[in-house]
Amino acid sequence: LLAAALLRLAPRRHVFVGAVHHIAADGWSMGVFVREIAALYRARVEGRPAGLPPLPIQYVDFARWQRQALAGGEAAAGAAAREAPEDRAVRAAGRR
């Protein structure tokens, strides 16, 4: 889902090439990825620490939130919203 390479064109000239499957990242995520890679690269070239800010949330936090939401019945509420009367009326009209 992710492939990357750093190509050396000359002793002090390089190109970073990357490909990400569309299911693994969206446009917003890719913007974050590119900004952070650029910041890490600049810091490395300048010989200083990267200084990326700590992440406000980790994946484990999201997973915990998701488990709590599912245990609290939000999944059932979402299913009920998909079965709204307007939805049935549209489907019924499309069958004519």
PDB file of N, CA and C in Angstrom:
ATOM      1  N   LEU A   1       0.799  -1.204   0.000  1.00  0.00           N
ATOM      2  CA  LEU A   1       0.000   0.000   0.000  1.00  0.00           C
ATOM      3  C   LEU A   1       0.840   1.265   0.000  1.00  0.00           C
ATOM      4  N   LEU A   2       2.123   1.117   0.352  1.00  0.00           N
ATOM      5  CA  LEU A   2       3.035   2.255   0.364  1.00  0.00           C
ATOM      6  C   LEU A   2       4.372   1.805  -0.205  1.00  0.00           C
ATOM      7  N   ALA A   3       4.886   2.588  -1.118  1.00  0.00           N
ATOM      8  CA  ALA A   3       6.215   2.324  -1.669  1.00  0.00           C
ATOM      9  C   ALA A   3       6.964   3.655  -1.702  1.00  0.00           C
ATOM     10  N   ALA A   4       8.224   3.623  -1.318  1.00  0.00           N
ATOM     11  CA  ALA A   4       9.022   4.846  -1.307  1.00  0.00           C
ATOM     12  C   ALA A   4      10.469   4.524  -1.629  1.00  0.00           C
ATOM     13  N   ALA A   5      11.135   5.509  -2.226  1.00  0.00           N
ATOM     14  CA  ALA A   5      12.549   5.354  -2.547  1.00  0.00           C
ATOM     15  C   ALA A   5      13.204   6.730  -2.564  1.00  0.00           C
ATOM     16  N   LEU A   6      14.452   6.764  -2.169  1.00  0.00           N
ATOM     17  CA  LEU A   6      15.251   7.977  -2.267  1.00  0.00           C
ATOM     18  C   LEU A   6      16.306   7.712  -3.334  1.00  0.00           C
ATOM     19  N   LEU A   7      16.222   8.435  -4.411  1.00  0.00           N
ATOM     20  CA  LEU A   7      17.127   8.225  -5.542  1.00  0.00           C
ATOM     21  C   LEU A   7      18.256   9.244  -5.498  1.00  0.00           C
ATOM     22  N   ARG A   8      19.489   8.765  -5.632  1.00  0.00           N
ATOM     23  CA  ARG A   8      20.647   9.654  -5.658  1.00  0.00           C
ATOM     24  C   ARG A   8      20.959   9.971  -7.112  1.00  0.00           C
ATOM     25  N   LEU A   9      20.813  11.235  -7.468  1.00  0.00           N
ATOM     26  CA  LEU A   9      21.103  11.677  -8.828  1.00  0.00           C
ATOM     27  C   LEU A   9      22.553  12.137  -8.957  1.00  0.00           C
ATOM     28  N   ALA A  10      23.069  12.660  -7.880  1.00  0.00           N
ATOM     29  CA  ALA A  10      24.458  13.132  -7.814  1.00  0.00           C
ATOM     30  C   ALA A  10      24.833  13.120  -6.331  1.00  0.00           C
ATOM     31  N   PRO A  11      26.108  13.340  -6.006  1.00  0.00           N
ATOM     32  CA  PRO A  11      26.500  13.270  -4.596  1.00  0.00           C
ATOM     33  C   PRO A  11      25.641  14.131  -3.657  1.00  0.00           C
ATOM     34  N   ARG A  12      25.196  15.277  -4.108  1.00  0.00           N
ATOM     35  CA  ARG A  12      24.383  16.139  -3.249  1.00  0.00           C
ATOM     36  C   ARG A  12      23.027  16.446  -3.866  1.00  0.00           C
ATOM     37  N   ARG A  13      22.542  15.551  -4.701  1.00  0.00           N
ATOM     38  CA  ARG A  13      21.233  15.768  -5.349  1.00  0.00           C
ATOM     39  C   ARG A  13      20.444  14.474  -5.286  1.00  0.00           C
ATOM     40  N   HIS A  14      19.284  14.545  -4.635  1.00  0.00           N
ATOM     41  CA  HIS A  14      18.440  13.368  -4.432  1.00  0.00           C
ATOM     42  C   HIS A  14      16.991  13.685  -4.779  1.00  0.00           C
ATOM     43  N   VAL A  15      16.238  12.640  -5.065  1.00  0.00           N
ATOM     44  CA  VAL A  15      14.802  12.768  -5.326  1.00  0.00           C
ATOM     45  C   VAL A  15      14.087  11.696  -4.507  1.00  0.00           C
ATOM     46  N   PHE A  16      13.078  12.127  -3.772  1.00  0.00           N
ATOM     47  CA  PHE A  16      12.242  11.197  -3.019  1.00  0.00           C
ATOM     48  C   PHE A  16      11.032  10.864  -3.887  1.00  0.00           C
ATOM     49  N   VAL A  17      10.788   9.578  -4.071  1.00  0.00           N
ATOM     50  CA  VAL A  17       9.653   9.125  -4.884  1.00  0.00           C
ATOM     51  C   VAL A  17       8.781   8.244  -3.994  1.00  0.00           C
ATOM     52  N   GLY A  18       7.487   8.507  -4.002  1.00  0.00           N
ATOM     53  CA  GLY A  18       6.584   7.703  -3.186  1.00  0.00           C
ATOM     54  C   GLY A  18       5.260   7.471  -3.873  1.00  0.00           C
ATOM     55  N   ALA A  19       4.655   6.352  -3.540  1.00  0.00           N
ATOM     56  CA  ALA A  19       3.326   6.022  -4.056  1.00  0.00           C
ATOM     57  C   ALA A  19       2.522   5.406  -2.918  1.00  0.00           C
ATOM     58  N   VAL A  20       1.283   5.850  -2.786  1.00  0.00           N
ATOM     59  CA  VAL A  20       0.388   5.346  -1.747  1.00  0.00           C
ATOM     60  C   VAL A  20      -0.926   4.968  -2.406  1.00  0.00           C
ATOM     61  N   HIS A  21      -1.433   3.795  -2.078  1.00  0.00           N
ATOM     62  CA  HIS A  21      -2.726   3.368  -2.602  1.00  0.00           C
ATOM     63  C   HIS A  21      -3.813   4.282  -2.049  1.00  0.00           C
ATOM     64  N   HIS A  22      -4.792   4.595  -2.868  1.00  0.00           N
ATOM     65  CA  HIS A  22      -5.832   5.545  -2.467  1.00  0.00           C
ATOM     66  C   HIS A  22      -6.639   5.067  -1.262  1.00  0.00           C
ATOM     67  N   ILE A  23      -6.639   3.793  -0.980  1.00  0.00           N
ATOM     68  CA  ILE A  23      -7.376   3.305   0.185  1.00  0.00           C
ATOM     69  C   ILE A  23      -6.608   3.558   1.483  1.00  0.00           C
ATOM     70  N   ALA A  24      -5.296   3.798   1.388  1.00  0.00           N
ATOM     71  CA  ALA A  24      -4.459   3.979   2.578  1.00  0.00           C
ATOM     72  C   ALA A  24      -4.370   5.430   3.031  1.00  0.00           C
ATOM     73  N   ALA A  25      -4.640   6.392   2.157  1.00  0.00           N
ATOM     74  CA  ALA A  25      -4.516   7.802   2.531  1.00  0.00           C
ATOM     75  C   ALA A  25      -5.401   8.661   1.644  1.00  0.00           C
ATOM     76  N   ASP A  26      -5.932   9.716   2.229  1.00  0.00           N
ATOM     77  CA  ASP A  26      -6.731  10.663   1.456  1.00  0.00           C
ATOM     78  C   ASP A  26      -5.883  11.912   1.184  1.00  0.00           C
ATOM     79  N   GLY A  27      -6.476  12.872   0.506  1.00  0.00           N
ATOM     80  CA  GLY A  27      -5.746  14.083   0.151  1.00  0.00           C
ATOM     81  C   GLY A  27      -5.236  14.851   1.358  1.00  0.00           C
ATOM     82  N   TRP A  28      -6.051  14.954   2.402  1.00  0.00           N
ATOM     83  CA  TRP A  28      -5.638  15.662   3.608  1.00  0.00           C
ATOM     84  C   TRP A  28      -4.449  14.960   4.250  1.00  0.00           C
ATOM     85  N   SER A  29      -4.530  13.643   4.371  1.00  0.00           N
ATOM     86  CA  SER A  29      -3.446  12.874   4.983  1.00  0.00           C
ATOM     87  C   SER A  29      -2.157  13.016   4.186  1.00  0.00           C
ATOM     88  N   MET A  30      -2.258  13.017   2.880  1.00  0.00           N
ATOM     89  CA  MET A  30      -1.054  13.144   2.059  1.00  0.00           C
ATOM     90  C   MET A  30      -0.411  14.516   2.237  1.00  0.00           C
ATOM     91  N   GLY A  31      -1.227  15.548   2.428  1.00  0.00           N
ATOM     92  CA  GLY A  31      -0.679  16.877   2.699  1.00  0.00           C
ATOM     93  C   GLY A  31       0.125  16.892   3.983  1.00  0.00           C
ATOM     94  N   VAL A  32      -0.413  16.266   5.022  1.00  0.00           N
ATOM     95  CA  VAL A  32       0.293  16.161   6.302  1.00  0.00           C
ATOM     96  C   VAL A  32       1.587  15.374   6.103  1.00  0.00           C
ATOM     97  N   PHE A  33       1.509  14.260   5.409  1.00  0.00           N
ATOM     98  CA  PHE A  33       2.682  13.410   5.165  1.00  0.00           C
ATOM     99  C   PHE A  33       3.784  14.187   4.454  1.00  0.00           C
ATOM    100  N   VAL A  34       3.436  14.895   3.401  1.00  0.00           N
ATOM    101  CA  VAL A  34       4.436  15.639   2.622  1.00  0.00           C
ATOM    102  C   VAL A  34       5.057  16.753   3.473  1.00  0.00           C
ATOM    103  N   ARG A  35       4.238  17.485   4.242  1.00  0.00           N
ATOM    104  CA  ARG A  35       4.784  18.547   5.100  1.00  0.00           C
ATOM    105  C   ARG A  35       5.741  17.982   6.142  1.00  0.00           C
ATOM    106  N   GLU A  36       5.386  16.844   6.727  1.00  0.00           N
ATOM    107  CA  GLU A  36       6.246  16.275   7.757  1.00  0.00           C
ATOM    108  C   GLU A  36       7.534  15.703   7.171  1.00  0.00           C
ATOM    109  N   ILE A  37       7.459  15.061   6.026  1.00  0.00           N
ATOM    110  CA  ILE A  37       8.676  14.558   5.370  1.00  0.00           C
ATOM    111  C   ILE A  37       9.595  15.731   5.031  1.00  0.00           C
ATOM    112  N   ALA A  38       9.019  16.833   4.525  1.00  0.00           N
ATOM    113  CA  ALA A  38       9.819  18.008   4.190  1.00  0.00           C
ATOM    114  C   ALA A  38      10.471  18.593   5.439  1.00  0.00           C
ATOM    115  N   ALA A  39       9.732  18.658   6.546  1.00  0.00           N
ATOM    116  CA  ALA A  39      10.288  19.193   7.788  1.00  0.00           C
ATOM    117  C   ALA A  39      11.410  18.298   8.313  1.00  0.00           C
ATOM    118  N   LEU A  40      11.227  16.992   8.243  1.00  0.00           N
ATOM    119  CA  LEU A  40      12.272  16.058   8.680  1.00  0.00           C
ATOM    120  C   LEU A  40      13.517  16.185   7.809  1.00  0.00           C
ATOM    121  N   TYR A  41      13.299  16.327   6.512  1.00  0.00           N
ATOM    122  CA  TYR A  41      14.427  16.465   5.585  1.00  0.00           C
ATOM    123  C   TYR A  41      15.205  17.751   5.866  1.00  0.00           C
ATOM    124  N   ARG A  42      14.484  18.868   6.001  1.00  0.00           N
ATOM    125  CA  ARG A  42      15.146  20.144   6.278  1.00  0.00           C
ATOM    126  C   ARG A  42      15.958  20.068   7.576  1.00  0.00           C
ATOM    127  N   ALA A  43      15.375  19.476   8.604  1.00  0.00           N
ATOM    128  CA  ALA A  43      16.070  19.360   9.883  1.00  0.00           C
ATOM    129  C   ALA A  43      17.334  18.518   9.733  1.00  0.00           C
ATOM    130  N   ARG A  44      17.232  17.443   8.988  1.00  0.00           N
ATOM    131  CA  ARG A  44      18.404  16.565   8.792  1.00  0.00           C
ATOM    132  C   ARG A  44      19.518  17.298   8.048  1.00  0.00           C
ATOM    133  N   VAL A  45      19.140  18.006   6.978  1.00  0.00           N
ATOM    134  CA  VAL A  45      20.128  18.748   6.180  1.00  0.00           C
ATOM    135  C   VAL A  45      20.795  19.832   7.025  1.00  0.00           C
ATOM    136  N   GLU A  46      20.009  20.485   7.895  1.00  0.00           N
ATOM    137  CA  GLU A  46      20.531  21.564   8.728  1.00  0.00           C
ATOM    138  C   GLU A  46      21.196  21.051  10.004  1.00  0.00           C
ATOM    139  N   GLY A  47      21.176  19.739  10.228  1.00  0.00           N
ATOM    140  CA  GLY A  47      21.822  19.151  11.384  1.00  0.00           C
ATOM    141  C   GLY A  47      21.167  19.480  12.715  1.00  0.00           C
ATOM    142  N   ARG A  48      19.864  19.616  12.717  1.00  0.00           N
ATOM    143  CA  ARG A  48      19.148  19.939  13.950  1.00  0.00           C
ATOM    144  C   ARG A  48      18.019  18.929  14.175  1.00  0.00           C
ATOM    145  N   PRO A  49      17.479  18.867  15.392  1.00  0.00           N
ATOM    146  CA  PRO A  49      16.334  17.972  15.639  1.00  0.00           C
ATOM    147  C   PRO A  49      15.129  18.423  14.822  1.00  0.00           C
ATOM    148  N   ALA A  50      14.292  17.483  14.451  1.00  0.00           N
ATOM    149  CA  ALA A  50      13.148  17.790  13.592  1.00  0.00           C
ATOM    150  C   ALA A  50      12.162  18.727  14.263  1.00  0.00           C
ATOM    151  N   GLY A  51      11.875  18.516  15.527  1.00  0.00           N
ATOM    152  CA  GLY A  51      10.959  19.409  16.229  1.00  0.00           C
ATOM    153  C   GLY A  51       9.508  19.295  15.794  1.00  0.00           C
ATOM    154  N   LEU A  52       9.107  18.126  15.285  1.00  0.00           N
ATOM    155  CA  LEU A  52       7.695  17.959  14.954  1.00  0.00           C
ATOM    156  C   LEU A  52       6.879  17.989  16.244  1.00  0.00           C
ATOM    157  N   PRO A  53       5.720  18.644  16.220  1.00  0.00           N
ATOM    158  CA  PRO A  53       4.917  18.695  17.439  1.00  0.00           C
ATOM    159  C   PRO A  53       4.391  17.308  17.799  1.00  0.00           C
ATOM    160  N   PRO A  54       4.215  17.034  19.088  1.00  0.00           N
ATOM    161  CA  PRO A  54       3.658  15.733  19.464  1.00  0.00           C
ATOM    162  C   PRO A  54       2.227  15.605  18.941  1.00  0.00           C
ATOM    163  N   LEU A  55       1.853  14.401  18.607  1.00  0.00           N
ATOM    164  CA  LEU A  55       0.510  14.174  18.097  1.00  0.00           C
ATOM    165  C   LEU A  55      -0.512  14.340  19.214  1.00  0.00           C
ATOM    166  N   PRO A  56      -1.614  15.036  18.940  1.00  0.00           N
ATOM    167  CA  PRO A  56      -2.630  15.236  19.977  1.00  0.00           C
ATOM    168  C   PRO A  56      -3.427  13.965  20.268  1.00  0.00           C
ATOM    169  N   ILE A  57      -3.419  13.034  19.339  1.00  0.00           N
ATOM    170  CA  ILE A  57      -4.160  11.787  19.508  1.00  0.00           C
ATOM    171  C   ILE A  57      -3.378  10.669  18.836  1.00  0.00           C
ATOM    172  N   GLN A  58      -3.379   9.517  19.447  1.00  0.00           N
ATOM    173  CA  GLN A  58      -2.721   8.342  18.893  1.00  0.00           C
ATOM    174  C   GLN A  58      -3.796   7.378  18.389  1.00  0.00           C
ATOM    175  N   TYR A  59      -3.401   6.412  17.589  1.00  0.00           N
ATOM    176  CA  TYR A  59      -4.377   5.457  17.061  1.00  0.00           C
ATOM    177  C   TYR A  59      -5.084   4.714  18.188  1.00  0.00           C
ATOM    178  N   VAL A  60      -4.358   4.412  19.258  1.00  0.00           N
ATOM    179  CA  VAL A  60      -4.978   3.698  20.375  1.00  0.00           C
ATOM    180  C   VAL A  60      -6.122   4.528  20.973  1.00  0.00           C
ATOM    181  N   ASP A  61      -5.996   5.851  20.976  1.00  0.00           N
ATOM    182  CA  ASP A  61      -7.074   6.710  21.469  1.00  0.00           C
ATOM    183  C   ASP A  61      -8.306   6.599  20.578  1.00  0.00           C
ATOM    184  N   PHE A  62      -8.086   6.611  19.280  1.00  0.00           N
ATOM    185  CA  PHE A  62      -9.198   6.471  18.338  1.00  0.00           C
ATOM    186  C   PHE A  62      -9.867   5.113  18.492  1.00  0.00           C
ATOM    187  N   ALA A  63      -9.065   4.052  18.628  1.00  0.00           N
ATOM    188  CA  ALA A  63      -9.627   2.703  18.779  1.00  0.00           C
ATOM    189  C   ALA A  63     -10.461   2.609  20.056  1.00  0.00           C
ATOM    190  N   ARG A  64      -9.981   3.204  21.141  1.00  0.00           N
ATOM    191  CA  ARG A  64     -10.734   3.205  22.401  1.00  0.00           C
ATOM    192  C   ARG A  64     -12.059   3.951  22.219  1.00  0.00           C
ATOM    193  N   TRP A  65     -12.012   5.113  21.580  1.00  0.00           N
ATOM    194  CA  TRP A  65     -13.228   5.891  21.329  1.00  0.00           C
ATOM    195  C   TRP A  65     -14.209   5.080  20.490  1.00  0.00           C
ATOM    196  N   GLN A  66     -13.705   4.404  19.461  1.00  0.00           N
ATOM    197  CA  GLN A  66     -14.572   3.623  18.580  1.00  0.00           C
ATOM    198  C   GLN A  66     -15.221   2.468  19.342  1.00  0.00           C
ATOM    199  N   ARG A  67     -14.459   1.763  20.172  1.00  0.00           N
ATOM    200  CA  ARG A  67     -15.042   0.679  20.977  1.00  0.00           C
ATOM    201  C   ARG A  67     -16.128   1.208  21.898  1.00  0.00           C
ATOM    202  N   GLN A  68     -15.880   2.349  22.530  1.00  0.00           N
ATOM    203  CA  GLN A  68     -16.881   2.929  23.427  1.00  0.00           C
ATOM    204  C   GLN A  68     -18.130   3.346  22.655  1.00  0.00           C
ATOM    205  N   ALA A  69     -17.934   3.917  21.475  1.00  0.00           N
ATOM    206  CA  ALA A  69     -19.080   4.340  20.669  1.00  0.00           C
ATOM    207  C   ALA A  69     -19.913   3.141  20.241  1.00  0.00           C
ATOM    208  N   LEU A  70     -19.261   2.079  19.819  1.00  0.00           N
ATOM    209  CA  LEU A  70     -19.991   0.887  19.390  1.00  0.00           C
ATOM    210  C   LEU A  70     -20.689   0.217  20.564  1.00  0.00           C
ATOM    211  N   ALA A  71     -20.053   0.207  21.711  1.00  0.00           N
ATOM    212  CA  ALA A  71     -20.669  -0.394  22.892  1.00  0.00           C
ATOM    213  C   ALA A  71     -21.862   0.433  23.366  1.00  0.00           C
ATOM    214  N   GLY A  72     -21.836   1.729  23.103  1.00  0.00           N
ATOM    215  CA  GLY A  72     -22.919   2.609  23.533  1.00  0.00           C
ATOM    216  C   GLY A  72     -24.096   2.644  22.583  1.00  0.00           C
ATOM    217  N   GLY A  73     -24.045   1.894  21.510  1.00  0.00           N
ATOM    218  CA  GLY A  73     -25.175   1.821  20.590  1.00  0.00           C
ATOM    219  C   GLY A  73     -25.155   2.808  19.446  1.00  0.00           C
ATOM    220  N   GLU A  74     -24.060   3.533  19.260  1.00  0.00           N
ATOM    221  CA  GLU A  74     -24.015   4.474  18.143  1.00  0.00           C
ATOM    222  C   GLU A  74     -24.086   3.755  16.803  1.00  0.00           C
ATOM    223  N   ALA A  75     -23.602   2.531  16.739  1.00  0.00           N
ATOM    224  CA  ALA A  75     -23.669   1.785  15.477  1.00  0.00           C
ATOM    225  C   ALA A  75     -25.121   1.509  15.123  1.00  0.00           C
ATOM    226  N   ALA A  76     -25.929   1.156  16.128  1.00  0.00           N
ATOM    227  CA  ALA A  76     -27.345   0.913  15.875  1.00  0.00           C
ATOM    228  C   ALA A  76     -28.047   2.195  15.443  1.00  0.00           C
ATOM    229  N   ALA A  77     -27.675   3.317  16.056  1.00  0.00           N
ATOM    230  CA  ALA A  77     -28.276   4.590  15.676  1.00  0.00           C
ATOM    231  C   ALA A  77     -27.927   4.929  14.237  1.00  0.00           C
ATOM    232  N   GLY A  78     -26.698   4.634  13.827  1.00  0.00           N
ATOM    233  CA  GLY A  78     -26.297   4.882  12.439  1.00  0.00           C
ATOM    234  C   GLY A  78     -27.086   4.030  11.470  1.00  0.00           C
ATOM    235  N   ALA A  79     -27.334   2.777  11.833  1.00  0.00           N
ATOM    236  CA  ALA A  79     -28.125   1.893  10.976  1.00  0.00           C
ATOM    237  C   ALA A  79     -29.551   2.410  10.866  1.00  0.00           C
ATOM    238  N   ALA A  80     -30.108   2.904  11.967  1.00  0.00           N
ATOM    239  CA  ALA A  80     -31.470   3.434  11.936  1.00  0.00           C
ATOM    240  C   ALA A  80     -31.544   4.660  11.024  1.00  0.00           C
ATOM    241  N   ALA A  81     -30.503   5.486  11.043  1.00  0.00           N
ATOM    242  CA  ALA A  81     -30.494   6.671  10.180  1.00  0.00           C
ATOM    243  C   ALA A  81     -30.464   6.277   8.713  1.00  0.00           C
ATOM    244  N   ARG A  82     -29.797   5.187   8.395  1.00  0.00           N
ATOM    245  CA  ARG A  82     -29.752   4.746   6.993  1.00  0.00           C
ATOM    246  C   ARG A  82     -31.095   4.198   6.528  1.00  0.00           C
ATOM    247  N   GLU A  83     -31.933   3.796   7.453  1.00  0.00           N
ATOM    248  CA  GLU A  83     -33.246   3.250   7.118  1.00  0.00           C
ATOM    249  C   GLU A  83     -34.331   4.316   7.239  1.00  0.00           C
ATOM    250  N   ALA A  84     -33.975   5.572   7.054  1.00  0.00           N
ATOM    251  CA  ALA A  84     -34.932   6.668   7.179  1.00  0.00           C
ATOM    252  C   ALA A  84     -36.047   6.525   6.141  1.00  0.00           C
ATOM    253  N   PRO A  85     -37.258   6.986   6.464  1.00  0.00           N
ATOM    254  CA  PRO A  85     -38.383   6.879   5.521  1.00  0.00           C
ATOM    255  C   PRO A  85     -38.071   7.515   4.170  1.00  0.00           C
ATOM    256  N   GLU A  86     -37.335   8.623   4.167  1.00  0.00           N
ATOM    257  CA  GLU A  86     -36.999   9.267   2.898  1.00  0.00           C
ATOM    258  C   GLU A  86     -36.172   8.331   2.025  1.00  0.00           C
ATOM    259  N   ASP A  87     -35.288   7.567   2.654  1.00  0.00           N
ATOM    260  CA  ASP A  87     -34.452   6.637   1.924  1.00  0.00           C
ATOM    261  C   ASP A  87     -35.316   5.559   1.264  1.00  0.00           C
ATOM    262  N   ARG A  88     -36.301   5.025   2.015  1.00  0.00           N
ATOM    263  CA  ARG A  88     -37.177   3.996   1.454  1.00  0.00           C
ATOM    264  C   ARG A  88     -38.011   4.551   0.313  1.00  0.00           C
ATOM    265  N   ALA A  89     -38.454   5.789   0.452  1.00  0.00           N
ATOM    266  CA  ALA A  89     -39.282   6.376  -0.598  1.00  0.00           C
ATOM    267  C   ALA A  89     -38.484   6.541  -1.893  1.00  0.00           C
ATOM    268  N   VAL A  90     -37.242   6.909  -1.768  1.00  0.00           N
ATOM    269  CA  VAL A  90     -36.400   7.072  -2.965  1.00  0.00           C
ATOM    270  C   VAL A  90     -36.185   5.718  -3.632  1.00  0.00           C
ATOM    271  N   ARG A  91     -35.915   4.686  -2.837  1.00  0.00           N
ATOM    272  CA  ARG A  91     -35.706   3.371  -3.414  1.00  0.00           C
ATOM    273  C   ARG A  91     -36.993   2.860  -4.082  1.00  0.00           C
ATOM    274  N   ALA A  92     -38.115   3.092  -3.431  1.00  0.00           N
ATOM    275  CA  ALA A  92     -39.383   2.625  -3.990  1.00  0.00           C
ATOM    276  C   ALA A  92     -39.678   3.344  -5.309  1.00  0.00           C
ATOM    277  N   ALA A  93     -39.371   4.637  -5.380  1.00  0.00           N
ATOM    278  CA  ALA A  93     -39.615   5.396  -6.606  1.00  0.00           C
ATOM    279  C   ALA A  93     -38.714   4.905  -7.727  1.00  0.00           C
ATOM    280  N   GLY A  94     -37.519   4.469  -7.395  1.00  0.00           N
ATOM    281  CA  GLY A  94     -36.577   4.015  -8.410  1.00  0.00           C
ATOM    282  C   GLY A  94     -36.948   2.676  -9.011  1.00  0.00           C
ATOM    283  N   ARG A  95     -37.847   1.913  -8.388  1.00  0.00           N
ATOM    284  CA  ARG A  95     -38.221   0.581  -8.877  1.00  0.00           C
ATOM    285  C   ARG A  95     -39.294   0.629  -9.928  1.00  0.00           C
ATOM    286  N   ARG A  96     -39.928   1.740 -10.138  1.00  0.00           N
ATOM    287  CA  ARG A  96     -41.043   1.812 -11.095  1.00  0.00           C
ATOM    288  C   ARG A  96     -40.623   1.591 -12.499  1.00  0.00           C
TER     289      ARG A  96
END
